[in-house]
Amino acid sequence: MDSDVTLYFTVGRGLLNGLTPYTDLFEMKPPIIFFLSALSLLLHGDEKLLSLLAIASYVVIACIPASYAWFLGKDKPWQHRTIAMLFGLTAGLFCIIYLFKWTNGMDIEVFGTCIVSLYALTLVMPPKRLWLCRVFQAFCLFLSIGLKEYYVLITLAVALVACSGWK
């Protein structure tokens, strides 16, 4: 674990010991990563839960471009659709390699990238149940901003790019 992840678990341990964030424990990051760390410590006594969430985040990041490519090719023959999905999966794998190179496995950026990617996917794919999609988008915004403040700007940029064709 690097120093950031160690800090997450230190603050998480403090939360489990009854300390109050931003009063008894001072750290400038938003609270969600600390609550996830505390939950991991509570359930497993170590970083196992956070590690599993990081692995799941990597898998989701890899699959999102493939699922979008599959969606775009819905009216195409299955061969074209499969090729598009494979290119999407390759793009997702390159994203994972890049992310893994610049993060330390359980950093905030891994979880934030996953959540913002899911948010972007819900913006570009037409929902079957609009209200449920909006609730999920709001939850993604809440989680991403609760992980790190600059995700406000990233999600805004994603929304502007994804919805630029809307009238």
Foldseek 3Di string as FASTA:
>chain_A
DDPVLVVLLVLLVVVVVPDDEPPRDDDDFFCPSNVQSVVCCVPPVHCVSLLVLLVVLLVLLLQLQLVVLLVVCVVPPPVSNVVSSVVRNVVSVVVSVVVVVPDPSRALVSVLSSLLSVLLSLLQDDDPDVVVSVVSNVVSVVVNCSGGVCVVVVSVVSNCVRCVPPD
